N, C-alpha and C. Protein backbone atom coordinates (compact mmCIF):
# COMPACT_ATOMS: atom_id res chain seq x y z
N MET A 1 78.38 58.98 190.82
CA MET A 1 77.17 59.61 190.36
C MET A 1 76.61 60.47 191.51
N LEU A 2 76.10 61.62 191.20
CA LEU A 2 75.53 62.50 192.21
C LEU A 2 74.12 62.05 192.57
N ASP A 3 73.73 62.33 193.82
CA ASP A 3 72.42 61.88 194.31
C ASP A 3 71.28 62.33 193.42
N HIS A 4 71.28 63.60 192.99
CA HIS A 4 70.16 64.07 192.16
C HIS A 4 70.14 63.38 190.80
N GLU A 5 71.30 62.98 190.29
CA GLU A 5 71.34 62.23 189.02
C GLU A 5 70.72 60.85 189.21
N VAL A 6 71.02 60.22 190.34
CA VAL A 6 70.46 58.90 190.64
C VAL A 6 68.94 59.02 190.80
N THR A 7 68.51 60.00 191.60
CA THR A 7 67.07 60.17 191.84
C THR A 7 66.33 60.45 190.55
N ASP A 8 66.79 61.45 189.81
CA ASP A 8 66.11 61.81 188.56
C ASP A 8 66.14 60.67 187.55
N GLY A 9 67.28 60.01 187.42
CA GLY A 9 67.40 58.91 186.46
C GLY A 9 66.51 57.74 186.81
N MET A 10 66.46 57.39 188.09
CA MET A 10 65.63 56.26 188.50
C MET A 10 64.15 56.58 188.30
N ILE A 11 63.73 57.80 188.67
CA ILE A 11 62.32 58.17 188.49
C ILE A 11 61.96 58.19 187.01
N ASP A 12 62.82 58.77 186.18
CA ASP A 12 62.54 58.80 184.74
C ASP A 12 62.42 57.38 184.17
N ALA A 13 63.34 56.50 184.56
CA ALA A 13 63.30 55.12 184.07
C ALA A 13 62.07 54.39 184.59
N PHE A 14 61.72 54.58 185.86
CA PHE A 14 60.53 53.94 186.43
C PHE A 14 59.28 54.40 185.69
N ASN A 15 59.16 55.71 185.48
CA ASN A 15 57.97 56.24 184.80
C ASN A 15 57.90 55.84 183.34
N ALA A 16 59.05 55.54 182.73
CA ALA A 16 59.08 55.03 181.36
C ALA A 16 58.86 53.52 181.33
N HIS A 17 58.73 52.94 182.52
CA HIS A 17 58.53 51.49 182.70
C HIS A 17 59.73 50.70 182.17
N ASP A 18 60.92 51.30 182.25
CA ASP A 18 62.18 50.64 181.90
C ASP A 18 62.81 50.21 183.23
N PHE A 19 62.35 49.08 183.75
CA PHE A 19 62.73 48.68 185.09
C PHE A 19 64.15 48.16 185.19
N GLU A 20 64.70 47.63 184.11
CA GLU A 20 66.12 47.24 184.12
C GLU A 20 66.99 48.48 184.27
N LYS A 21 66.65 49.53 183.56
CA LYS A 21 67.40 50.78 183.69
C LYS A 21 67.23 51.35 185.10
N ALA A 22 66.01 51.33 185.64
CA ALA A 22 65.78 51.83 187.00
C ALA A 22 66.61 51.03 188.01
N ALA A 23 66.65 49.72 187.86
CA ALA A 23 67.42 48.87 188.77
C ALA A 23 68.92 49.11 188.61
N GLY A 24 69.35 49.62 187.46
CA GLY A 24 70.76 49.93 187.24
C GLY A 24 71.28 51.06 188.11
N PHE A 25 70.39 51.80 188.76
CA PHE A 25 70.82 52.84 189.69
C PHE A 25 71.09 52.28 191.07
N PHE A 26 70.86 50.98 191.25
CA PHE A 26 71.19 50.29 192.48
C PHE A 26 72.56 49.64 192.35
N SER A 27 73.23 49.50 193.47
CA SER A 27 74.46 48.73 193.54
C SER A 27 74.16 47.30 193.07
N PRO A 28 75.13 46.59 192.51
CA PRO A 28 74.87 45.20 192.12
C PRO A 28 74.32 44.34 193.27
N CYS A 29 74.66 44.69 194.50
CA CYS A 29 74.16 43.96 195.67
C CYS A 29 73.10 44.77 196.40
N GLY A 30 72.49 45.74 195.73
CA GLY A 30 71.49 46.62 196.34
C GLY A 30 70.28 45.86 196.84
N VAL A 31 69.60 46.48 197.80
CA VAL A 31 68.42 45.87 198.42
C VAL A 31 67.26 46.86 198.35
N TYR A 32 66.08 46.35 197.97
CA TYR A 32 64.85 47.14 197.89
C TYR A 32 63.84 46.49 198.83
N VAL A 33 63.38 47.24 199.83
CA VAL A 33 62.45 46.72 200.82
C VAL A 33 61.18 47.56 200.80
N CYS A 34 60.03 46.91 200.69
CA CYS A 34 58.76 47.63 200.73
C CYS A 34 57.73 46.73 201.43
N PRO A 35 56.52 47.26 201.69
CA PRO A 35 55.54 46.43 202.40
C PRO A 35 55.26 45.08 201.74
N GLY A 36 55.45 44.98 200.43
CA GLY A 36 55.16 43.73 199.74
C GLY A 36 56.27 42.71 199.75
N GLY A 37 57.48 43.10 200.17
CA GLY A 37 58.57 42.14 200.18
C GLY A 37 59.94 42.78 200.05
N ILE A 38 60.92 41.92 199.80
CA ILE A 38 62.32 42.33 199.70
C ILE A 38 62.88 41.80 198.40
N ALA A 39 63.60 42.66 197.67
CA ALA A 39 64.31 42.24 196.46
C ALA A 39 65.79 42.56 196.66
N GLU A 40 66.63 41.61 196.30
CA GLU A 40 68.07 41.79 196.46
C GLU A 40 68.75 41.62 195.11
N GLY A 41 69.58 42.59 194.75
CA GLY A 41 70.30 42.55 193.47
C GLY A 41 69.45 43.16 192.36
N ARG A 42 70.12 43.61 191.34
CA ARG A 42 69.44 44.34 190.27
C ARG A 42 68.37 43.53 189.55
N GLU A 43 68.62 42.26 189.32
CA GLU A 43 67.66 41.43 188.60
C GLU A 43 66.35 41.29 189.39
N GLN A 44 66.45 41.00 190.68
CA GLN A 44 65.25 40.88 191.50
C GLN A 44 64.53 42.22 191.63
N ILE A 45 65.30 43.31 191.75
CA ILE A 45 64.69 44.62 191.87
C ILE A 45 63.91 44.96 190.61
N ALA A 46 64.50 44.71 189.43
CA ALA A 46 63.80 44.97 188.16
C ALA A 46 62.53 44.12 188.08
N SER A 47 62.60 42.86 188.49
CA SER A 47 61.42 41.99 188.47
C SER A 47 60.35 42.49 189.43
N TYR A 48 60.77 42.97 190.57
CA TYR A 48 59.81 43.48 191.54
C TYR A 48 59.10 44.71 191.00
N PHE A 49 59.87 45.64 190.40
CA PHE A 49 59.26 46.82 189.79
C PHE A 49 58.24 46.41 188.72
N ALA A 50 58.55 45.37 187.95
CA ALA A 50 57.65 44.91 186.88
C ALA A 50 56.32 44.42 187.44
N LEU A 51 56.32 43.92 188.67
CA LEU A 51 55.06 43.48 189.30
C LEU A 51 54.10 44.65 189.48
N TYR A 52 54.65 45.83 189.79
CA TYR A 52 53.80 47.02 189.90
C TYR A 52 53.08 47.27 188.57
N LEU A 53 53.82 47.14 187.48
CA LEU A 53 53.26 47.42 186.16
C LEU A 53 52.16 46.42 185.81
N GLU A 54 52.30 45.19 186.26
CA GLU A 54 51.27 44.18 185.98
C GLU A 54 49.92 44.59 186.56
N GLY A 55 49.93 45.08 187.78
CA GLY A 55 48.69 45.48 188.43
C GLY A 55 48.25 46.89 188.09
N PHE A 56 49.24 47.72 187.76
CA PHE A 56 48.97 49.15 187.52
C PHE A 56 49.70 49.59 186.26
N PRO A 57 49.15 49.30 185.08
CA PRO A 57 49.86 49.50 183.82
C PRO A 57 50.21 50.94 183.47
N ASP A 58 49.58 51.91 184.10
CA ASP A 58 49.91 53.32 183.82
C ASP A 58 50.55 54.00 185.02
N ILE A 59 51.23 53.23 185.85
CA ILE A 59 51.81 53.75 187.09
C ILE A 59 52.79 54.88 186.82
N THR A 60 52.67 55.93 187.64
CA THR A 60 53.56 57.09 187.54
C THR A 60 53.93 57.53 188.95
N LEU A 61 55.21 57.77 189.17
CA LEU A 61 55.71 58.24 190.45
C LEU A 61 56.10 59.70 190.31
N THR A 62 55.59 60.54 191.22
CA THR A 62 55.90 61.97 191.20
C THR A 62 56.51 62.35 192.54
N PRO A 63 57.78 62.78 192.55
CA PRO A 63 58.37 63.21 193.82
C PRO A 63 57.75 64.52 194.29
N THR A 64 57.58 64.65 195.61
CA THR A 64 57.01 65.89 196.15
C THR A 64 58.01 66.64 197.03
N SER A 65 58.95 65.93 197.66
CA SER A 65 60.01 66.59 198.40
C SER A 65 61.15 65.62 198.61
N LYS A 66 62.33 66.18 198.90
CA LYS A 66 63.52 65.34 199.05
C LYS A 66 64.48 66.02 200.02
N GLY A 67 65.15 65.22 200.81
CA GLY A 67 66.19 65.71 201.71
C GLY A 67 67.37 64.77 201.69
N VAL A 68 68.56 65.32 201.84
CA VAL A 68 69.78 64.52 201.82
C VAL A 68 70.60 64.86 203.06
N CYS A 69 71.09 63.84 203.74
CA CYS A 69 71.96 64.01 204.89
C CYS A 69 73.04 62.94 204.82
N GLY A 70 74.23 63.31 204.39
CA GLY A 70 75.30 62.33 204.22
C GLY A 70 74.94 61.34 203.13
N ASP A 71 74.97 60.05 203.45
CA ASP A 71 74.63 59.03 202.45
C ASP A 71 73.16 58.63 202.49
N LEU A 72 72.34 59.36 203.27
CA LEU A 72 70.92 59.06 203.39
C LEU A 72 70.10 60.07 202.60
N THR A 73 69.23 59.57 201.74
CA THR A 73 68.29 60.41 201.00
C THR A 73 66.88 60.01 201.39
N VAL A 74 66.06 60.98 201.69
CA VAL A 74 64.65 60.76 202.02
C VAL A 74 63.82 61.46 200.95
N MET A 75 62.86 60.75 200.37
CA MET A 75 62.03 61.34 199.34
C MET A 75 60.57 61.00 199.60
N GLU A 76 59.74 62.03 199.59
CA GLU A 76 58.29 61.84 199.62
C GLU A 76 57.81 61.83 198.18
N TRP A 77 56.76 61.06 197.91
CA TRP A 77 56.28 60.93 196.54
C TRP A 77 54.78 60.61 196.54
N THR A 78 54.23 60.71 195.35
CA THR A 78 52.85 60.28 195.10
C THR A 78 52.89 59.34 193.90
N VAL A 79 52.19 58.23 194.01
CA VAL A 79 52.03 57.31 192.89
C VAL A 79 50.58 57.40 192.43
N THR A 80 50.39 57.52 191.15
CA THR A 80 49.04 57.50 190.58
C THR A 80 48.98 56.40 189.54
N SER A 81 47.82 55.78 189.44
CA SER A 81 47.65 54.72 188.45
C SER A 81 46.20 54.26 188.43
N THR A 82 45.92 53.41 187.46
CA THR A 82 44.63 52.75 187.34
C THR A 82 44.85 51.26 187.57
N HIS A 83 44.05 50.66 188.41
CA HIS A 83 44.19 49.24 188.70
C HIS A 83 43.67 48.44 187.51
N GLY A 84 44.59 48.03 186.65
CA GLY A 84 44.20 47.36 185.42
C GLY A 84 44.61 45.91 185.30
N GLY A 85 45.18 45.35 186.35
CA GLY A 85 45.63 43.96 186.29
C GLY A 85 45.64 43.34 187.67
N PRO A 86 46.08 42.08 187.78
CA PRO A 86 46.08 41.40 189.08
C PRO A 86 47.05 42.06 190.05
N PHE A 87 46.66 42.12 191.32
CA PHE A 87 47.49 42.72 192.36
C PHE A 87 47.44 41.83 193.59
N LEU A 88 48.62 41.43 194.08
CA LEU A 88 48.71 40.54 195.24
C LEU A 88 48.41 41.32 196.51
N LEU A 89 47.45 40.84 197.28
CA LEU A 89 47.04 41.48 198.52
C LEU A 89 47.86 40.94 199.70
N PRO A 90 47.89 41.66 200.82
CA PRO A 90 48.68 41.21 201.98
C PRO A 90 48.30 39.83 202.50
N ASP A 91 47.04 39.39 202.29
CA ASP A 91 46.63 38.09 202.80
C ASP A 91 46.93 36.96 201.81
N GLY A 92 47.61 37.28 200.70
CA GLY A 92 47.97 36.27 199.71
C GLY A 92 46.96 36.11 198.59
N GLU A 93 45.78 36.70 198.73
CA GLU A 93 44.78 36.67 197.67
C GLU A 93 45.19 37.65 196.57
N VAL A 94 44.61 37.49 195.40
CA VAL A 94 44.90 38.39 194.29
C VAL A 94 43.64 39.19 193.96
N ALA A 95 43.79 40.51 193.92
CA ALA A 95 42.67 41.38 193.53
C ALA A 95 42.70 41.52 192.01
N GLY A 96 41.63 41.12 191.37
CA GLY A 96 41.51 41.30 189.93
C GLY A 96 41.36 42.77 189.60
N PRO A 97 41.56 43.15 188.36
CA PRO A 97 41.49 44.56 187.98
C PRO A 97 40.12 45.16 188.28
N THR A 98 40.15 46.35 188.88
CA THR A 98 38.91 47.03 189.24
C THR A 98 38.64 48.23 188.34
N GLY A 99 39.67 48.71 187.64
CA GLY A 99 39.54 49.91 186.84
C GLY A 99 39.55 51.18 187.67
N ARG A 100 39.74 51.03 188.98
CA ARG A 100 39.75 52.21 189.88
C ARG A 100 41.07 52.96 189.78
N HIS A 101 40.97 54.27 189.87
CA HIS A 101 42.14 55.14 189.89
C HIS A 101 42.61 55.27 191.34
N VAL A 102 43.91 55.12 191.56
CA VAL A 102 44.47 55.25 192.90
C VAL A 102 45.51 56.36 192.94
N VAL A 103 45.57 57.02 194.07
CA VAL A 103 46.58 58.02 194.36
C VAL A 103 47.10 57.68 195.75
N VAL A 104 48.37 57.30 195.82
CA VAL A 104 48.95 56.85 197.08
C VAL A 104 50.18 57.69 197.40
N ARG A 105 50.21 58.19 198.62
CA ARG A 105 51.36 58.95 199.09
C ARG A 105 52.29 58.03 199.85
N GLY A 106 53.59 58.28 199.72
CA GLY A 106 54.56 57.46 200.44
C GLY A 106 55.89 58.16 200.53
N CYS A 107 56.86 57.43 201.07
CA CYS A 107 58.21 57.96 201.14
C CYS A 107 59.19 56.80 201.08
N ASP A 108 60.42 57.14 200.76
CA ASP A 108 61.46 56.13 200.82
C ASP A 108 62.72 56.72 201.42
N PHE A 109 63.50 55.82 202.00
CA PHE A 109 64.79 56.15 202.60
C PHE A 109 65.84 55.33 201.85
N ARG A 110 66.83 56.04 201.32
CA ARG A 110 67.89 55.36 200.56
C ARG A 110 69.25 55.64 201.18
N THR A 111 70.09 54.64 201.17
CA THR A 111 71.50 54.84 201.49
C THR A 111 72.28 54.58 200.21
N MET A 112 73.37 55.32 200.06
CA MET A 112 74.18 55.23 198.85
C MET A 112 75.49 54.53 199.16
N ASP A 113 76.05 53.84 198.17
CA ASP A 113 77.35 53.20 198.36
C ASP A 113 78.46 54.17 197.95
N ASP A 114 79.69 53.72 198.02
CA ASP A 114 80.83 54.58 197.69
C ASP A 114 80.90 54.95 196.22
N ASP A 115 80.21 54.21 195.36
CA ASP A 115 80.18 54.51 193.92
C ASP A 115 79.03 55.44 193.55
N GLY A 116 78.26 55.88 194.54
CA GLY A 116 77.14 56.77 194.27
C GLY A 116 75.89 56.05 193.79
N LEU A 117 75.82 54.74 193.99
CA LEU A 117 74.64 53.95 193.62
C LEU A 117 73.84 53.63 194.89
N ILE A 118 72.61 53.24 194.71
CA ILE A 118 71.74 52.93 195.85
C ILE A 118 72.15 51.60 196.47
N ALA A 119 72.51 51.63 197.75
CA ALA A 119 72.85 50.41 198.47
C ALA A 119 71.59 49.76 199.02
N SER A 120 70.70 50.61 199.57
CA SER A 120 69.42 50.09 200.07
C SER A 120 68.36 51.17 199.93
N GLN A 121 67.14 50.71 199.67
CA GLN A 121 66.00 51.61 199.58
C GLN A 121 64.85 50.96 200.34
N ARG A 122 64.33 51.68 201.32
CA ARG A 122 63.23 51.20 202.14
C ARG A 122 62.03 52.09 201.86
N VAL A 123 60.95 51.48 201.41
CA VAL A 123 59.75 52.20 200.96
C VAL A 123 58.63 52.01 201.97
N TYR A 124 57.94 53.13 202.27
CA TYR A 124 56.82 53.11 203.18
C TYR A 124 55.64 53.83 202.54
N TYR A 125 54.47 53.20 202.59
CA TYR A 125 53.24 53.85 202.13
C TYR A 125 52.07 53.26 202.90
N ASP A 126 50.98 53.96 202.87
CA ASP A 126 49.80 53.55 203.63
C ASP A 126 49.04 52.50 202.82
N GLN A 127 49.23 51.24 203.19
CA GLN A 127 48.57 50.16 202.48
C GLN A 127 47.05 50.24 202.61
N LEU A 128 46.56 50.62 203.76
CA LEU A 128 45.12 50.73 203.96
C LEU A 128 44.53 51.77 203.02
N GLU A 129 45.23 52.90 202.86
CA GLU A 129 44.77 53.93 201.94
C GLU A 129 44.64 53.37 200.52
N MET A 130 45.66 52.63 200.09
CA MET A 130 45.63 52.07 198.74
C MET A 130 44.52 51.02 198.60
N LEU A 131 44.41 50.12 199.56
CA LEU A 131 43.42 49.05 199.47
C LEU A 131 42.00 49.60 199.54
N SER A 132 41.80 50.66 200.31
CA SER A 132 40.49 51.31 200.36
C SER A 132 40.12 51.89 199.01
N GLN A 133 41.09 52.50 198.35
CA GLN A 133 40.83 53.07 197.02
C GLN A 133 40.51 51.98 196.00
N LEU A 134 41.08 50.79 196.22
CA LEU A 134 40.80 49.67 195.31
C LEU A 134 39.46 49.02 195.62
N GLY A 135 38.89 49.33 196.79
CA GLY A 135 37.61 48.75 197.16
C GLY A 135 37.73 47.42 197.86
N VAL A 136 38.93 47.10 198.37
CA VAL A 136 39.13 45.87 199.11
C VAL A 136 38.46 46.05 200.48
N GLU A 137 37.52 45.16 200.79
CA GLU A 137 36.71 45.34 202.00
C GLU A 137 37.35 44.82 203.27
N ARG A 138 38.12 43.76 203.16
CA ARG A 138 38.71 43.23 204.39
C ARG A 138 40.07 42.61 204.06
N ILE A 139 40.92 42.69 205.03
CA ILE A 139 42.25 42.09 204.91
C ILE A 139 42.41 41.16 206.11
N THR A 140 42.76 39.90 205.84
CA THR A 140 43.00 38.96 206.92
C THR A 140 44.49 38.69 207.00
N ARG A 141 44.91 38.24 208.13
CA ARG A 141 46.34 37.93 208.31
C ARG A 141 46.48 36.52 208.78
């Protein structure tokens, strides 16, 4: 599969909230790493994506730029959504729905396997920016 087919297919599936299909663009042993944790394998990755939907039922990911160098793909994106459900905070507490609209910028780095599927995806975004938009006043560690 070509990189742009993987990128476009995964984004389309994610935005349609078809997380099993989105996880199908990962290698069977693929790894997804983000500030909230690590998911390994398609089943865990699909479950992890579903957690986003629980807290943000209208979540949409919009790519803003992309670069490819060998088996590494870098993509900048914006996520928009309304906080409509429970969301796990970094300190282990759960933020109940606030109804606030959030716009979060981030990027991810992906490596591809020999079959053209995602071997690993590492996601980075400004957690403080997101938590501020949600109205979370303090974060303890």
